[in-house]
Amino acid sequence: MPVGIGLKHATERDVVAIAKLRVAVAHHLTERFGPGHWSSAGTENGVRLDLRRPGLFVARRGRRIIASLRLASQKPWAIDATYFTPTRAPLYLTNMAVQPDLQRTGVGRACLDDAVRIARRWPAEAIRLDAYDAEAGAGGFYERCGFREVGRVIYRSVPLIYYELLI
């Protein structure tokens, strides 16, 4: 990871900062690509819900939270597992966010590298995720980080691309 960055488990003290991070990312995407499903930023209560289950991580630069993501063994509602390589122990990556001013600086890639390290220790056999099938989606980023596209779906009117990384 870039100097001074590493994923650590989030705590209750991080809730407000994670919620602000998610709002900043949603606002940035909306400014750049116009309104869409990515415009929904979530709330502190949503972060608290993520925190109640294991797998919410943050990356810091000093005291500032610069990125966050969630790894979970429970399949999210928007993912159809039939599109993915069968594995006994997949993890699902959700709610990845990097401070807009630090995007395209290696922070996101470093977070994914650390997520793979965490997944290997879990132990997991794959990381699965979905990305918006739109200009605002992060599919190209995930592909550059080694994930491969395994399917395209429309879930509740939202076009999605499924990606996986076997580990």
Protein backbone atom coordinates (compact mmCIF):
# COMPACT_ATOMS: atom_id res chain seq x y z
CA MET A 1 0.00 0.00 0.00
CA PRO A 2 1.14 3.59 -0.38
CA VAL A 3 3.13 4.76 2.61
CA GLY A 4 1.05 5.08 5.76
CA ILE A 5 -2.01 3.21 4.43
CA GLY A 6 -3.40 -0.16 5.54
CA LEU A 7 -6.85 -1.61 6.08
CA LYS A 8 -7.92 -1.86 9.71
CA HIS A 9 -11.22 -2.92 11.24
CA ALA A 10 -13.59 0.03 11.59
CA THR A 11 -14.94 0.94 15.02
CA GLU A 12 -17.90 2.91 16.34
CA ARG A 13 -15.60 5.98 16.47
CA ASP A 14 -15.31 5.77 12.66
CA VAL A 15 -19.05 5.86 11.86
CA VAL A 16 -19.35 9.60 11.21
CA ALA A 17 -16.18 9.73 9.11
CA ILE A 18 -17.23 6.73 7.00
CA ALA A 19 -20.66 8.25 6.43
CA LYS A 20 -19.02 11.54 5.36
CA LEU A 21 -16.70 9.62 3.03
CA ARG A 22 -19.67 7.88 1.38
CA VAL A 23 -21.47 11.22 0.99
CA ALA A 24 -18.37 12.81 -0.56
CA VAL A 25 -18.00 9.96 -3.07
CA ALA A 26 -21.71 10.02 -4.00
CA HIS A 27 -21.58 13.80 -4.45
CA HIS A 28 -18.42 13.54 -6.57
CA LEU A 29 -19.95 10.87 -8.85
CA THR A 30 -23.16 12.89 -9.21
CA GLU A 31 -21.23 16.04 -10.12
CA ARG A 32 -19.13 14.14 -12.64
CA PHE A 33 -21.72 11.81 -14.22
CA GLY A 34 -25.09 13.26 -13.26
CA PRO A 35 -27.70 11.73 -10.99
CA GLY A 36 -28.03 7.97 -10.78
CA HIS A 37 -28.13 5.12 -8.29
CA TRP A 38 -24.62 6.16 -7.25
CA SER A 39 -26.09 9.43 -5.94
CA SER A 40 -27.48 7.71 -2.84
CA ALA A 41 -24.89 8.29 -0.16
CA GLY A 42 -26.27 6.33 2.75
CA THR A 43 -26.35 7.41 6.36
CA GLU A 44 -24.63 6.97 9.70
CA ASN A 45 -27.28 4.36 10.51
CA GLY A 46 -26.29 2.46 7.37
CA VAL A 47 -22.66 2.51 8.47
CA ARG A 48 -23.70 1.29 11.93
CA LEU A 49 -25.55 -1.59 10.29
CA ASP A 50 -22.37 -2.49 8.36
CA LEU A 51 -20.40 -2.24 11.59
CA ARG A 52 -22.67 -4.71 13.42
CA ARG A 53 -21.33 -7.49 11.20
CA PRO A 54 -17.64 -8.29 10.80
CA GLY A 55 -15.74 -7.04 7.80
CA LEU A 56 -15.97 -3.24 7.70
CA PHE A 57 -12.50 -1.81 7.10
CA VAL A 58 -10.96 1.64 6.81
CA ALA A 59 -7.68 3.00 5.49
CA ARG A 60 -6.20 6.07 7.13
CA ARG A 61 -3.64 8.67 6.32
CA GLY A 62 -2.76 9.99 9.72
CA ARG A 63 -6.10 10.34 11.51
CA ARG A 64 -8.07 10.94 8.31
CA ILE A 65 -10.10 8.04 6.93
CA ILE A 66 -9.29 8.01 3.23
CA ALA A 67 -11.01 4.80 2.14
CA SER A 68 -13.43 2.19 3.35
CA LEU A 69 -14.76 -1.15 2.17
CA ARG A 70 -16.66 -4.13 3.47
CA LEU A 71 -15.81 -7.82 3.04
CA ALA A 72 -18.50 -10.32 4.00
CA SER A 73 -19.23 -14.00 3.56
CA GLN A 74 -22.96 -13.30 3.27
CA LYS A 75 -24.12 -12.69 -0.32
CA PRO A 76 -25.57 -9.23 -0.95
CA TRP A 77 -29.11 -9.02 -2.29
CA ALA A 78 -28.04 -7.72 -5.74
CA ILE A 79 -25.72 -10.62 -6.55
CA ASP A 80 -26.81 -13.81 -8.29
CA ALA A 81 -24.20 -16.41 -7.34
CA THR A 82 -24.93 -18.54 -10.43
CA TYR A 83 -22.78 -16.17 -12.53
CA PHE A 84 -19.63 -16.85 -10.53
CA THR A 85 -17.10 -19.66 -10.39
CA PRO A 86 -18.35 -22.17 -7.80
CA THR A 87 -16.30 -21.90 -4.60
CA ARG A 88 -16.85 -23.05 -1.05
CA ALA A 89 -15.79 -19.77 0.55
CA PRO A 90 -16.37 -16.57 -1.43
CA LEU A 91 -16.22 -13.12 0.09
CA TYR A 92 -18.29 -10.21 -1.21
CA LEU A 93 -16.79 -6.75 -1.51
CA THR A 94 -19.28 -3.92 -1.03
CA ASN A 95 -19.34 -0.24 -0.15
CA MET A 96 -15.84 0.53 -1.40
CA ALA A 97 -15.16 4.26 -1.26
CA VAL A 98 -12.00 6.33 -1.71
CA GLN A 99 -11.83 10.04 -0.92
CA PRO A 100 -12.40 11.85 -4.23
CA ASP A 101 -9.21 13.91 -3.94
CA LEU A 102 -7.19 10.67 -3.60
CA GLN A 103 -8.77 8.71 -6.43
CA ARG A 104 -6.33 7.73 -9.18
CA THR A 105 -3.39 7.92 -6.75
CA GLY A 106 -3.05 4.20 -5.94
CA VAL A 107 -5.13 4.23 -2.76
CA GLY A 108 -7.94 2.11 -4.23
CA ARG A 109 -5.55 -0.44 -5.69
CA ALA A 110 -3.68 -0.61 -2.39
CA CYS A 111 -6.96 -1.22 -0.57
CA LEU A 112 -7.82 -4.07 -2.95
CA ASP A 113 -4.36 -5.57 -2.50
CA ASP A 114 -4.89 -5.49 1.26
CA ALA A 115 -8.41 -6.93 0.84
CA VAL A 116 -6.88 -9.90 -0.99
CA ARG A 117 -4.41 -10.39 1.87
CA ILE A 118 -7.31 -10.31 4.35
CA ALA A 119 -9.35 -12.72 2.21
CA ARG A 120 -6.50 -15.24 2.10
CA ARG A 121 -6.33 -15.21 5.91
CA TRP A 122 -10.16 -15.42 6.24
CA PRO A 123 -9.77 -18.02 4.46
CA ALA A 124 -11.66 -17.32 1.25
CA GLU A 125 -11.32 -18.67 -2.27
CA ALA A 126 -12.67 -15.66 -4.19
CA ILE A 127 -13.71 -12.05 -3.90
CA ARG A 128 -16.94 -11.18 -5.70
CA LEU A 129 -18.52 -7.80 -6.35
CA ASP A 130 -20.84 -5.84 -8.58
CA ALA A 131 -20.29 -2.48 -10.25
CA TYR A 132 -22.70 -0.17 -12.02
CA ASP A 133 -22.84 -0.84 -15.75
CA ALA A 134 -22.63 2.89 -16.47
CA GLU A 135 -20.01 5.53 -17.04
CA ALA A 136 -20.00 6.16 -13.28
CA GLY A 137 -19.30 2.48 -12.57
CA ALA A 138 -15.89 1.30 -11.41
CA GLY A 139 -15.69 -1.78 -13.63
CA GLY A 140 -12.58 -0.63 -15.48
CA PHE A 141 -10.81 -0.05 -12.18
CA TYR A 142 -11.62 -3.56 -10.95
CA GLU A 143 -10.44 -5.06 -14.24
CA ARG A 144 -7.13 -3.19 -13.99
CA CYS A 145 -6.77 -4.64 -10.49
CA GLY A 146 -7.10 -8.22 -11.77
CA PHE A 147 -10.82 -8.89 -11.40
CA ARG A 148 -12.58 -10.51 -14.33
CA GLU A 149 -16.08 -9.84 -15.57
CA VAL A 150 -18.39 -12.85 -15.13
CA GLY A 151 -21.78 -11.43 -16.05
CA ARG A 152 -24.10 -8.52 -16.70
CA VAL A 153 -27.55 -8.25 -15.16
CA ILE A 154 -30.28 -5.79 -14.48
CA TYR A 155 -31.33 -5.92 -10.86
CA ARG A 156 -34.39 -3.87 -9.89
CA SER A 157 -33.86 -1.69 -12.98
CA VAL A 158 -30.16 -1.12 -12.17
CA PRO A 159 -27.66 -2.42 -14.76
CA LEU A 160 -24.78 -4.20 -13.00
CA ILE A 161 -21.58 -5.98 -13.98
CA TYR A 162 -20.39 -8.86 -11.82
CA TYR A 163 -16.66 -9.32 -11.18
CA GLU A 164 -14.61 -11.93 -9.36
CA LEU A 165 -11.03 -12.53 -8.35
CA LEU A 166 -10.08 -16.11 -7.52
CA ILE A 167 -7.47 -16.28 -4.76
